[in-house]
PDB file of N, CA and C in Angstrom:
ATOM      1  N   MET A   1       0.957  -1.219  -0.064  1.00  0.00           N
ATOM      2  CA  MET A   1       0.184   0.113   0.012  1.00  0.00           C
ATOM      3  C   MET A   1       0.704   1.322   0.022  1.00  0.00           C
ATOM      4  N   LYS A   2       0.649   2.124  -0.815  1.00  0.00           N
ATOM      5  CA  LYS A   2       1.451   3.290  -1.044  1.00  0.00           C
ATOM      6  C   LYS A   2       0.592   4.512  -0.392  1.00  0.00           C
ATOM      7  N   PHE A   3       1.290   5.034   0.399  1.00  0.00           N
ATOM      8  CA  PHE A   3       0.538   6.303   1.112  1.00  0.00           C
ATOM      9  C   PHE A   3       1.120   7.659   0.449  1.00  0.00           C
ATOM     10  N   ASN A   4       0.403   8.541   0.242  1.00  0.00           N
ATOM     11  CA  ASN A   4       0.923   9.901  -0.209  1.00  0.00           C
ATOM     12  C   ASN A   4       0.040  10.989   0.604  1.00  0.00           C
ATOM     13  N   TYR A   5       0.826  11.822   1.214  1.00  0.00           N
ATOM     14  CA  TYR A   5       0.610  12.710   2.137  1.00  0.00           C
ATOM     15  C   TYR A   5       0.343  14.294   1.674  1.00  0.00           C
ATOM     16  N   ASN A   6       0.474  14.411   0.388  1.00  0.00           N
ATOM     17  CA  ASN A   6       0.414  15.793  -0.251  1.00  0.00           C
ATOM     18  C   ASN A   6      -0.829  16.488  -0.149  1.00  0.00           C
ATOM     19  N   ASN A   7      -0.885  17.477   0.230  1.00  0.00           N
ATOM     20  CA  ASN A   7      -2.139  18.491   0.398  1.00  0.00           C
ATOM     21  C   ASN A   7      -3.155  17.772   1.316  1.00  0.00           C
ATOM     22  N   LYS A   8      -2.500  16.733   2.222  1.00  0.00           N
ATOM     23  CA  LYS A   8      -3.656  16.518   3.314  1.00  0.00           C
ATOM     24  C   LYS A   8      -3.691  17.272   4.379  1.00  0.00           C
ATOM     25  N   LYS A   9      -4.608  17.428   5.113  1.00  0.00           N
ATOM     26  CA  LYS A   9      -4.808  17.975   6.436  1.00  0.00           C
ATOM     27  C   LYS A   9      -5.007  16.965   7.529  1.00  0.00           C
ATOM     28  N   PHE A  10      -4.241  17.098   8.967  1.00  0.00           N
ATOM     29  CA  PHE A  10      -4.577  16.199   9.856  1.00  0.00           C
ATOM     30  C   PHE A  10      -4.780  16.941  11.116  1.00  0.00           C
ATOM     31  N   ARG A  11      -5.657  16.521  11.916  1.00  0.00           N
ATOM     32  CA  ARG A  11      -5.887  16.988  13.404  1.00  0.00           C
ATOM     33  C   ARG A  11      -5.585  16.069  14.396  1.00  0.00           C
ATOM     34  N   ALA A  12      -5.006  16.262  15.648  1.00  0.00           N
ATOM     35  CA  ALA A  12      -4.894  15.490  16.674  1.00  0.00           C
ATOM     36  C   ALA A  12      -5.915  14.932  17.290  1.00  0.00           C
ATOM     37  N   ILE A  13      -6.349  13.860  17.283  1.00  0.00           N
ATOM     38  CA  ILE A  13      -7.437  13.219  18.113  1.00  0.00           C
ATOM     39  C   ILE A  13      -7.017  12.615  19.441  1.00  0.00           C
ATOM     40  N   GLN A  14      -6.065  12.446  19.684  1.00  0.00           N
ATOM     41  CA  GLN A  14      -5.370  11.724  21.088  1.00  0.00           C
ATOM     42  C   GLN A  14      -3.816  12.275  21.195  1.00  0.00           C
ATOM     43  N   ASN A  15      -3.776  12.557  22.444  1.00  0.00           N
ATOM     44  CA  ASN A  15      -2.162  12.885  22.891  1.00  0.00           C
ATOM     45  C   ASN A  15      -1.837  12.422  24.323  1.00  0.00           C
ATOM     46  N   THR A  16      -0.594  12.307  24.504  1.00  0.00           N
ATOM     47  CA  THR A  16      -0.085  12.127  26.018  1.00  0.00           C
ATOM     48  C   THR A  16      -0.283  13.307  26.735  1.00  0.00           C
ATOM     49  N   GLU A  17      -0.309  13.423  27.863  1.00  0.00           N
ATOM     50  CA  GLU A  17      -0.191  14.571  28.885  1.00  0.00           C
ATOM     51  C   GLU A  17       0.677  15.536  28.557  1.00  0.00           C
ATOM     52  N   LYS A  18       2.120  15.292  28.117  1.00  0.00           N
ATOM     53  CA  LYS A  18       3.002  16.097  28.176  1.00  0.00           C
ATOM     54  C   LYS A  18       3.069  16.631  26.760  1.00  0.00           C
ATOM     55  N   GLY A  19       2.325  16.152  25.780  1.00  0.00           N
ATOM     56  CA  GLY A  19       2.073  16.822  24.475  1.00  0.00           C
ATOM     57  C   GLY A  19       1.484  17.876  24.404  1.00  0.00           C
ATOM     58  N   GLU A  20       1.479  18.958  23.339  1.00  0.00           N
ATOM     59  CA  GLU A  20       0.981  20.275  23.078  1.00  0.00           C
ATOM     60  C   GLU A  20       0.228  19.993  22.097  1.00  0.00           C
ATOM     61  N   THR A  21       0.095  19.254  20.984  1.00  0.00           N
ATOM     62  CA  THR A  21      -0.963  19.123  20.218  1.00  0.00           C
ATOM     63  C   THR A  21      -2.137  18.765  20.664  1.00  0.00           C
ATOM     64  N   SER A  22      -3.393  19.127  20.339  1.00  0.00           N
ATOM     65  CA  SER A  22      -4.776  18.814  20.660  1.00  0.00           C
ATOM     66  C   SER A  22      -5.666  18.830  19.373  1.00  0.00           C
ATOM     67  N   THR A  23      -6.956  18.802  19.765  1.00  0.00           N
ATOM     68  CA  THR A  23      -8.012  18.635  18.757  1.00  0.00           C
ATOM     69  C   THR A  23      -8.136  19.953  17.902  1.00  0.00           C
ATOM     70  N   GLU A  24      -7.391  21.057  18.643  1.00  0.00           N
ATOM     71  CA  GLU A  24      -7.390  22.403  17.959  1.00  0.00           C
ATOM     72  C   GLU A  24      -6.228  22.683  16.986  1.00  0.00           C
ATOM     73  N   THR A  25      -5.365  21.662  17.089  1.00  0.00           N
ATOM     74  CA  THR A  25      -4.067  21.769  16.175  1.00  0.00           C
ATOM     75  C   THR A  25      -4.206  21.151  14.742  1.00  0.00           C
ATOM     76  N   VAL A  26      -4.221  21.821  13.646  1.00  0.00           N
ATOM     77  CA  VAL A  26      -4.180  21.394  12.367  1.00  0.00           C
ATOM     78  C   VAL A  26      -2.798  21.376  11.591  1.00  0.00           C
ATOM     79  N   PHE A  27      -2.422  20.290  11.135  1.00  0.00           N
ATOM     80  CA  PHE A  27      -1.343  19.882  10.307  1.00  0.00           C
ATOM     81  C   PHE A  27      -1.607  20.039   9.022  1.00  0.00           C
ATOM     82  N   LYS A  28      -1.042  20.867   7.771  1.00  0.00           N
ATOM     83  CA  LYS A  28      -1.152  20.895   6.586  1.00  0.00           C
ATOM     84  C   LYS A  28       0.171  20.316   5.922  1.00  0.00           C
ATOM     85  N   TYR A  29      -0.054  18.956   5.344  1.00  0.00           N
ATOM     86  CA  TYR A  29       1.287  18.179   4.735  1.00  0.00           C
ATOM     87  C   TYR A  29       1.356  18.476   3.468  1.00  0.00           C
ATOM     88  N   GLU A  30       2.494  18.532   2.969  1.00  0.00           N
ATOM     89  CA  GLU A  30       3.071  18.473   1.549  1.00  0.00           C
ATOM     90  C   GLU A  30       3.947  17.455   1.374  1.00  0.00           C
ATOM     91  N   GLN A  31       4.101  16.712   0.380  1.00  0.00           N
ATOM     92  CA  GLN A  31       5.026  15.732   0.087  1.00  0.00           C
ATOM     93  C   GLN A  31       5.427  15.858  -1.413  1.00  0.00           C
ATOM     94  N   LYS A  32       6.888  15.746  -1.389  1.00  0.00           N
ATOM     95  CA  LYS A  32       7.741  15.689  -2.956  1.00  0.00           C
ATOM     96  C   LYS A  32       8.480  14.439  -2.657  1.00  0.00           C
ATOM     97  N   GLY A  33       8.280  13.742  -3.660  1.00  0.00           N
ATOM     98  CA  GLY A  33       9.201  12.175  -3.509  1.00  0.00           C
ATOM     99  C   GLY A  33       9.041  11.678  -2.081  1.00  0.00           C
ATOM    100  N   ASN A  34      10.090  11.472  -1.495  1.00  0.00           N
ATOM    101  CA  ASN A  34      10.026  11.107   0.140  1.00  0.00           C
ATOM    102  C   ASN A  34      10.053  12.023   0.990  1.00  0.00           C
ATOM    103  N   ILE A  35      10.129  13.240   0.776  1.00  0.00           N
ATOM    104  CA  ILE A  35      10.217  14.196   1.540  1.00  0.00           C
ATOM    105  C   ILE A  35       8.907  14.837   2.081  1.00  0.00           C
ATOM    106  N   LEU A  36       8.618  14.887   3.400  1.00  0.00           N
ATOM    107  CA  LEU A  36       7.520  15.350   3.969  1.00  0.00           C
ATOM    108  C   LEU A  36       7.717  16.730   4.455  1.00  0.00           C
ATOM    109  N   THR A  37       6.914  17.669   4.430  1.00  0.00           N
ATOM    110  CA  THR A  37       6.980  19.035   5.171  1.00  0.00           C
ATOM    111  C   THR A  37       5.574  19.401   5.730  1.00  0.00           C
ATOM    112  N   SER A  38       5.438  20.175   6.660  1.00  0.00           N
ATOM    113  CA  SER A  38       4.122  20.560   7.278  1.00  0.00           C
ATOM    114  C   SER A  38       4.218  21.891   8.066  1.00  0.00           C
ATOM    115  N   VAL A  39       3.216  22.734   7.821  1.00  0.00           N
ATOM    116  CA  VAL A  39       3.130  23.661   8.800  1.00  0.00           C
ATOM    117  C   VAL A  39       1.867  23.431   9.662  1.00  0.00           C
ATOM    118  N   TYR A  40       2.096  23.766  10.902  1.00  0.00           N
ATOM    119  CA  TYR A  40       0.851  23.330  11.929  1.00  0.00           C
ATOM    120  C   TYR A  40       0.879  24.698  12.986  1.00  0.00           C
ATOM    121  N   ASN A  41      -0.491  24.588  13.363  1.00  0.00           N
ATOM    122  CA  ASN A  41      -0.844  25.627  14.452  1.00  0.00           C
ATOM    123  C   ASN A  41      -2.112  25.361  14.951  1.00  0.00           C
ATOM    124  N   GLY A  42      -2.581  26.093  16.135  1.00  0.00           N
ATOM    125  CA  GLY A  42      -3.865  25.702  16.918  1.00  0.00           C
ATOM    126  C   GLY A  42      -3.719  25.300  18.306  1.00  0.00           C
ATOM    127  N   GLY A  43      -4.641  25.617  19.194  1.00  0.00           N
ATOM    128  CA  GLY A  43      -4.475  25.057  20.423  1.00  0.00           C
ATOM    129  C   GLY A  43      -3.256  25.941  21.252  1.00  0.00           C
ATOM    130  N   GLN A  44      -2.414  25.130  22.017  1.00  0.00           N
ATOM    131  CA  GLN A  44      -1.234  25.552  22.713  1.00  0.00           C
ATOM    132  C   GLN A  44       0.017  25.990  21.596  1.00  0.00           C
ATOM    133  N   ILE A  45      -0.360  25.877  20.113  1.00  0.00           N
ATOM    134  CA  ILE A  45       0.866  26.146  19.150  1.00  0.00           C
ATOM    135  C   ILE A  45       0.304  27.264  18.433  1.00  0.00           C
ATOM    136  N   VAL A  46       1.452  28.122  18.686  1.00  0.00           N
ATOM    137  CA  VAL A  46       1.173  29.283  17.857  1.00  0.00           C
ATOM    138  C   VAL A  46       1.733  29.248  16.456  1.00  0.00           C
ATOM    139  N   SER A  47       2.787  28.616  16.129  1.00  0.00           N
ATOM    140  CA  SER A  47       3.432  28.247  14.856  1.00  0.00           C
ATOM    141  C   SER A  47       4.469  27.305  14.799  1.00  0.00           C
ATOM    142  N   GLY A  48       4.227  26.180  14.053  1.00  0.00           N
ATOM    143  CA  GLY A  48       5.022  25.008  14.082  1.00  0.00           C
ATOM    144  C   GLY A  48       5.552  24.592  12.659  1.00  0.00           C
ATOM    145  N   HIS A  49       6.572  23.802  12.221  1.00  0.00           N
ATOM    146  CA  HIS A  49       6.870  23.265  11.213  1.00  0.00           C
ATOM    147  C   HIS A  49       7.499  21.971  11.480  1.00  0.00           C
ATOM    148  N   LEU A  50       7.504  20.984  10.615  1.00  0.00           N
ATOM    149  CA  LEU A  50       8.269  19.656  10.729  1.00  0.00           C
ATOM    150  C   LEU A  50       8.605  19.320   9.365  1.00  0.00           C
ATOM    151  N   ILE A  51       9.724  18.439   9.346  1.00  0.00           N
ATOM    152  CA  ILE A  51      10.374  17.818   7.931  1.00  0.00           C
ATOM    153  C   ILE A  51      10.374  16.504   8.406  1.00  0.00           C
ATOM    154  N   GLY A  52      10.218  15.435   7.398  1.00  0.00           N
ATOM    155  CA  GLY A  52      10.413  14.215   7.462  1.00  0.00           C
ATOM    156  C   GLY A  52      10.677  13.347   6.462  1.00  0.00           C
ATOM    157  N   LEU A  53      10.992  12.158   6.430  1.00  0.00           N
ATOM    158  CA  LEU A  53      11.233  11.320   5.466  1.00  0.00           C
ATOM    159  C   LEU A  53       9.930  10.160   5.441  1.00  0.00           C
ATOM    160  N   VAL A  54       9.407   9.848   4.183  1.00  0.00           N
ATOM    161  CA  VAL A  54       8.418   8.958   4.176  1.00  0.00           C
ATOM    162  C   VAL A  54       8.951   7.681   3.522  1.00  0.00           C
ATOM    163  N   ASP A  55       8.852   6.287   4.120  1.00  0.00           N
ATOM    164  CA  ASP A  55       9.466   5.145   3.639  1.00  0.00           C
ATOM    165  C   ASP A  55       8.421   4.445   2.785  1.00  0.00           C
ATOM    166  N   LYS A  56       8.719   3.263   2.160  1.00  0.00           N
ATOM    167  CA  LYS A  56       7.899   2.834   1.135  1.00  0.00           C
ATOM    168  C   LYS A  56       6.595   2.249   1.783  1.00  0.00           C
ATOM    169  N   ASN A  57       6.389   2.174   3.009  1.00  0.00           N
ATOM    170  CA  ASN A  57       5.386   1.577   3.436  1.00  0.00           C
ATOM    171  C   ASN A  57       4.519   2.886   4.262  1.00  0.00           C
ATOM    172  N   GLY A  58       4.710   4.102   3.940  1.00  0.00           N
ATOM    173  CA  GLY A  58       4.075   5.288   4.443  1.00  0.00           C
ATOM    174  C   GLY A  58       4.558   5.678   6.061  1.00  0.00           C
ATOM    175  N   ASN A  59       5.534   4.870   6.504  1.00  0.00           N
ATOM    176  CA  ASN A  59       6.032   5.326   7.827  1.00  0.00           C
ATOM    177  C   ASN A  59       6.863   6.610   7.528  1.00  0.00           C
ATOM    178  N   ILE A  60       6.556   7.675   8.757  1.00  0.00           N
ATOM    179  CA  ILE A  60       7.468   8.762   8.631  1.00  0.00           C
ATOM    180  C   ILE A  60       8.352   9.007   9.875  1.00  0.00           C
ATOM    181  N   GLU A  61       9.454   9.348   9.429  1.00  0.00           N
ATOM    182  CA  GLU A  61      10.423   9.775  10.444  1.00  0.00           C
ATOM    183  C   GLU A  61      10.682  11.117  10.410  1.00  0.00           C
ATOM    184  N   MET A  62      10.373  11.948  11.561  1.00  0.00           N
ATOM    185  CA  MET A  62      10.341  13.396  11.295  1.00  0.00           C
ATOM    186  C   MET A  62      10.779  14.178  12.416  1.00  0.00           C
ATOM    187  N   ARG A  63      11.309  15.297  12.261  1.00  0.00           N
ATOM    188  CA  ARG A  63      11.827  16.342  13.168  1.00  0.00           C
ATOM    189  C   ARG A  63      10.746  17.724  13.228  1.00  0.00           C
ATOM    190  N   TYR A  64      10.471  18.029  14.666  1.00  0.00           N
ATOM    191  CA  TYR A  64       9.522  19.110  14.582  1.00  0.00           C
ATOM    192  C   TYR A  64       9.989  20.190  15.415  1.00  0.00           C
ATOM    193  N   HIS A  65       9.480  21.290  15.093  1.00  0.00           N
ATOM    194  CA  HIS A  65       9.804  22.760  16.103  1.00  0.00           C
ATOM    195  C   HIS A  65       8.630  23.511  16.063  1.00  0.00           C
ATOM    196  N   HIS A  66       8.280  24.036  17.218  1.00  0.00           N
ATOM    197  CA  HIS A  66       7.154  25.175  17.161  1.00  0.00           C
ATOM    198  C   HIS A  66       7.319  26.162  18.498  1.00  0.00           C
ATOM    199  N   VAL A  67       6.736  27.232  18.297  1.00  0.00           N
ATOM    200  CA  VAL A  67       6.432  28.252  19.319  1.00  0.00           C
ATOM    201  C   VAL A  67       5.142  27.834  19.993  1.00  0.00           C
ATOM    202  N   ASN A  68       5.098  27.842  21.271  1.00  0.00           N
ATOM    203  CA  ASN A  68       3.848  27.424  21.854  1.00  0.00           C
ATOM    204  C   ASN A  68       3.302  28.796  22.578  1.00  0.00           C
ATOM    205  N   THR A  69       2.145  28.667  23.111  1.00  0.00           N
ATOM    206  CA  THR A  69       1.407  30.112  23.611  1.00  0.00           C
ATOM    207  C   THR A  69       2.301  30.654  24.809  1.00  0.00           C
ATOM    208  N   LYS A  70       3.061  30.031  25.431  1.00  0.00           N
ATOM    209  CA  LYS A  70       4.010  30.449  26.422  1.00  0.00           C
ATOM    210  C   LYS A  70       5.103  31.422  25.816  1.00  0.00           C
ATOM    211  N   GLY A  71       5.258  31.254  24.586  1.00  0.00           N
ATOM    212  CA  GLY A  71       6.544  31.911  24.040  1.00  0.00           C
ATOM    213  C   GLY A  71       7.842  30.995  24.054  1.00  0.00           C
ATOM    214  N   GLU A  72       7.525  29.851  24.168  1.00  0.00           N
ATOM    215  CA  GLU A  72       8.708  28.674  24.414  1.00  0.00           C
ATOM    216  C   GLU A  72       8.913  28.120  22.989  1.00  0.00           C
ATOM    217  N   LEU A  73      10.151  27.682  22.560  1.00  0.00           N
ATOM    218  CA  LEU A  73      10.526  27.241  21.419  1.00  0.00           C
ATOM    219  C   LEU A  73      10.852  25.545  21.718  1.00  0.00           C
ATOM    220  N   MET A  74      10.017  24.820  21.179  1.00  0.00           N
ATOM    221  CA  MET A  74      10.031  23.443  21.514  1.00  0.00           C
ATOM    222  C   MET A  74      10.373  22.475  20.312  1.00  0.00           C
ATOM    223  N   THR A  75      11.219  21.533  20.339  1.00  0.00           N
ATOM    224  CA  THR A  75      11.847  20.860  19.642  1.00  0.00           C
ATOM    225  C   THR A  75      11.476  19.393  19.834  1.00  0.00           C
ATOM    226  N   GLY A  76      11.427  18.455  18.831  1.00  0.00           N
ATOM    227  CA  GLY A  76      11.314  17.148  19.088  1.00  0.00           C
ATOM    228  C   GLY A  76      11.470  16.264  17.775  1.00  0.00           C
ATOM    229  N   ILE A  77      11.300  14.912  17.957  1.00  0.00           N
ATOM    230  CA  ILE A  77      11.598  13.873  17.096  1.00  0.00           C
ATOM    231  C   ILE A  77      10.258  12.924  17.196  1.00  0.00           C
ATOM    232  N   CYS A  78       9.951  12.331  16.071  1.00  0.00           N
ATOM    233  CA  CYS A  78       8.550  11.677  16.061  1.00  0.00           C
ATOM    234  C   CYS A  78       8.601  10.409  14.845  1.00  0.00           C
ATOM    235  N   GLN A  79       8.050   9.450  15.114  1.00  0.00           N
ATOM    236  CA  GLN A  79       7.938   8.315  14.191  1.00  0.00           C
ATOM    237  C   GLN A  79       6.390   7.905  14.152  1.00  0.00           C
ATOM    238  N   SER A  80       5.779   8.031  13.061  1.00  0.00           N
ATOM    239  CA  SER A  80       4.315   7.807  12.491  1.00  0.00           C
ATOM    240  C   SER A  80       4.270   6.449  11.600  1.00  0.00           C
ATOM    241  N   LYS A  81       3.217   5.797  12.138  1.00  0.00           N
ATOM    242  CA  LYS A  81       2.994   4.656  11.295  1.00  0.00           C
ATOM    243  C   LYS A  81       1.303   5.029  10.752  1.00  0.00           C
ATOM    244  N   PRO A  82       1.222   4.625   9.463  1.00  0.00           N
ATOM    245  CA  PRO A  82      -0.186   5.060   8.940  1.00  0.00           C
ATOM    246  C   PRO A  82      -1.217   3.742   8.856  1.00  0.00           C
ATOM    247  N   GLU A  83      -2.381   4.260   9.153  1.00  0.00           N
ATOM    248  CA  GLU A  83      -3.556   3.157   8.931  1.00  0.00           C
ATOM    249  C   GLU A  83      -4.355   3.773   7.928  1.00  0.00           C
ATOM    250  N   LEU A  84      -4.882   3.133   6.851  1.00  0.00           N
ATOM    251  CA  LEU A  84      -5.948   3.557   6.161  1.00  0.00           C
ATOM    252  C   LEU A  84      -7.356   3.159   6.541  1.00  0.00           C
ATOM    253  N   LEU A  85      -8.124   4.016   6.755  1.00  0.00           N
ATOM    254  CA  LEU A  85      -9.259   3.762   7.480  1.00  0.00           C
ATOM    255  C   LEU A  85     -10.548   3.303   6.390  1.00  0.00           C
ATOM    256  N   PRO A  86     -11.524   2.889   6.906  1.00  0.00           N
ATOM    257  CA  PRO A  86     -12.512   2.271   5.755  1.00  0.00           C
ATOM    258  C   PRO A  86     -12.970   3.501   4.919  1.00  0.00           C
ATOM    259  N   ASN A  87     -13.027   4.677   5.574  1.00  0.00           N
ATOM    260  CA  ASN A  87     -13.415   6.085   4.727  1.00  0.00           C
ATOM    261  C   ASN A  87     -12.309   6.469   3.569  1.00  0.00           C
ATOM    262  N   GLU A  88     -11.348   5.753   3.573  1.00  0.00           N
ATOM    263  CA  GLU A  88     -10.140   6.232   2.802  1.00  0.00           C
ATOM    264  C   GLU A  88      -9.169   7.325   3.383  1.00  0.00           C
ATOM    265  N   LYS A  89      -9.631   7.566   4.378  1.00  0.00           N
ATOM    266  CA  LYS A  89      -8.856   8.599   5.249  1.00  0.00           C
ATOM    267  C   LYS A  89      -7.743   7.816   6.052  1.00  0.00           C
ATOM    268  N   ILE A  90      -6.515   8.661   6.426  1.00  0.00           N
ATOM    269  CA  ILE A  90      -5.596   8.162   6.919  1.00  0.00           C
ATOM    270  C   ILE A  90      -5.320   8.612   8.359  1.00  0.00           C
ATOM    271  N   ARG A  91      -5.093   7.467   9.189  1.00  0.00           N
ATOM    272  CA  ARG A  91      -4.843   7.797  10.737  1.00  0.00           C
ATOM    273  C   ARG A  91      -3.571   7.463  11.028  1.00  0.00           C
ATOM    274  N   LEU A  92      -2.735   8.296  11.705  1.00  0.00           N
ATOM    275  CA  LEU A  92      -1.282   8.209  11.896  1.00  0.00           C
ATOM    276  C   LEU A  92      -1.020   7.804  13.428  1.00  0.00           C
ATOM    277  N   TYR A  93      -0.378   6.811  13.775  1.00  0.00           N
ATOM    278  CA  TYR A  93      -0.165   6.603  15.182  1.00  0.00           C
ATOM    279  C   TYR A  93       1.315   7.055  15.507  1.00  0.00           C
ATOM    280  N   GLU A  94       1.434   7.999  16.542  1.00  0.00           N
ATOM    281  CA  GLU A  94       2.824   8.659  16.517  1.00  0.00           C
ATOM    282  C   GLU A  94       3.393   8.542  18.027  1.00  0.00           C
ATOM    283  N   GLU A  95       4.560   7.988  17.954  1.00  0.00           N
ATOM    284  CA  GLU A  95       5.600   8.099  19.172  1.00  0.00           C
ATOM    285  C   GLU A  95       6.485   9.207  18.999  1.00  0.00           C
ATOM    286  N   TRP A  96       6.641  10.074  20.058  1.00  0.00           N
ATOM    287  CA  TRP A  96       7.359  11.111  19.806  1.00  0.00           C
ATOM    288  C   TRP A  96       8.405  11.338  21.237  1.00  0.00           C
ATOM    289  N   GLN A  97       9.307  12.112  21.045  1.00  0.00           N
ATOM    290  CA  GLN A  97       9.960  12.567  22.315  1.00  0.00           C
ATOM    291  C   GLN A  97      10.570  13.983  22.086  1.00  0.00           C
ATOM    292  N   TRP A  98      10.395  14.744  22.900  1.00  0.00           N
ATOM    293  CA  TRP A  98      10.792  16.068  23.099  1.00  0.00           C
ATOM    294  C   TRP A  98      12.418  16.033  22.977  1.00  0.00           C
ATOM    295  N   THR A  99      12.920  17.099  22.327  1.00  0.00           N
ATOM    296  CA  THR A  99      14.517  16.939  22.500  1.00  0.00           C
ATOM    297  C   THR A  99      14.830  18.327  23.081  1.00  0.00           C
ATOM    298  N   SER A 100      13.885  19.265  23.575  1.00  0.00           N
ATOM    299  CA  SER A 100      13.955  20.322  24.240  1.00  0.00           C
ATOM    300  C   SER A 100      12.989  20.200  25.707  1.00  0.00           C
ATOM    301  N   GLY A 101      13.279  21.079  26.451  1.00  0.00           N
ATOM    302  CA  GLY A 101      12.480  20.921  27.723  1.00  0.00           C
ATOM    303  C   GLY A 101      12.665  19.666  28.766  1.00  0.00           C
ATOM    304  N   ASP A 102      11.723  19.018  28.975  1.00  0.00           N
ATOM    305  CA  ASP A 102      12.085  17.872  29.917  1.00  0.00           C
ATOM    306  C   ASP A 102      12.321  16.270  29.169  1.00  0.00           C
ATOM    307  N   LYS A 103      12.477  16.733  27.893  1.00  0.00           N
ATOM    308  CA  LYS A 103      12.715  15.499  26.947  1.00  0.00           C
ATOM    309  C   LYS A 103      12.025  14.207  27.331  1.00  0.00           C
ATOM    310  N   SER A 104      10.659  14.454  27.499  1.00  0.00           N
ATOM    311  CA  SER A 104       9.721  13.456  27.964  1.00  0.00           C
ATOM    312  C   SER A 104       9.324  12.795  26.394  1.00  0.00           C
ATOM    313  N   PHE A 105       8.597  11.477  26.715  1.00  0.00           N
ATOM    314  CA  PHE A 105       8.357  10.691  25.585  1.00  0.00           C
ATOM    315  C   PHE A 105       6.472  10.759  25.480  1.00  0.00           C
ATOM    316  N   GLY A 106       6.084  10.717  24.427  1.00  0.00           N
ATOM    317  CA  GLY A 106       4.566  10.442  24.403  1.00  0.00           C
ATOM    318  C   GLY A 106       4.229   9.736  23.128  1.00  0.00           C
ATOM    319  N   LYS A 107       2.698   9.623  23.007  1.00  0.00           N
ATOM    320  CA  LYS A 107       2.115   9.187  21.831  1.00  0.00           C
ATOM    321  C   LYS A 107       0.855   9.952  21.572  1.00  0.00           C
ATOM    322  N   SER A 108       0.633   9.872  20.306  1.00  0.00           N
ATOM    323  CA  SER A 108      -0.506  10.645  19.644  1.00  0.00           C
ATOM    324  C   SER A 108      -1.065   9.904  18.657  1.00  0.00           C
ATOM    325  N   ILE A 109      -2.293  10.403  18.265  1.00  0.00           N
ATOM    326  CA  ILE A 109      -2.889   9.903  17.129  1.00  0.00           C
ATOM    327  C   ILE A 109      -3.574  11.070  16.482  1.00  0.00           C
ATOM    328  N   LEU A 110      -3.159  11.044  14.935  1.00  0.00           N
ATOM    329  CA  LEU A 110      -3.659  11.991  14.208  1.00  0.00           C
ATOM    330  C   LEU A 110      -4.520  11.411  13.195  1.00  0.00           C
ATOM    331  N   GLU A 111      -5.779  12.207  12.701  1.00  0.00           N
ATOM    332  CA  GLU A 111      -6.545  11.747  11.673  1.00  0.00           C
ATOM    333  C   GLU A 111      -6.573  12.681  10.499  1.00  0.00           C
ATOM    334  N   GLU A 112      -6.724  12.417   9.262  1.00  0.00           N
ATOM    335  CA  GLU A 112      -7.099  13.204   8.260  1.00  0.00           C
ATOM    336  C   GLU A 112      -8.328  13.801   8.272  1.00  0.00           C
ATOM    337  N   ILE A 113      -8.410  15.028   7.972  1.00  0.00           N
ATOM    338  CA  ILE A 113      -9.703  15.585   8.097  1.00  0.00           C
ATOM    339  C   ILE A 113      -9.849  16.267   6.678  1.00  0.00           C
TER     340      ILE A 113
END
């Protein structure tokens, strides 16, 4: 199965307590070849960007950074695994870690909107 994330939007539907994305956070994905980029904002996030690599199974290895509503610059790494839902939308299961702040780990789920 080939996943293409170009021009797709995602919203966080679930996140670990230490995470800053929420149902108010929207990610706008663009993909060229195996390179994925995104801008995101909403909720606790004023402005964010991510860059990642997509493998042949649609898994994404990414790095992200954003400024939150406290005015802090936050950075992290994330691995995402896709699932194709019955409605043809994509759900992403993510495992992430902050590379700033307390360097905690977490899990989140994003769904295509």
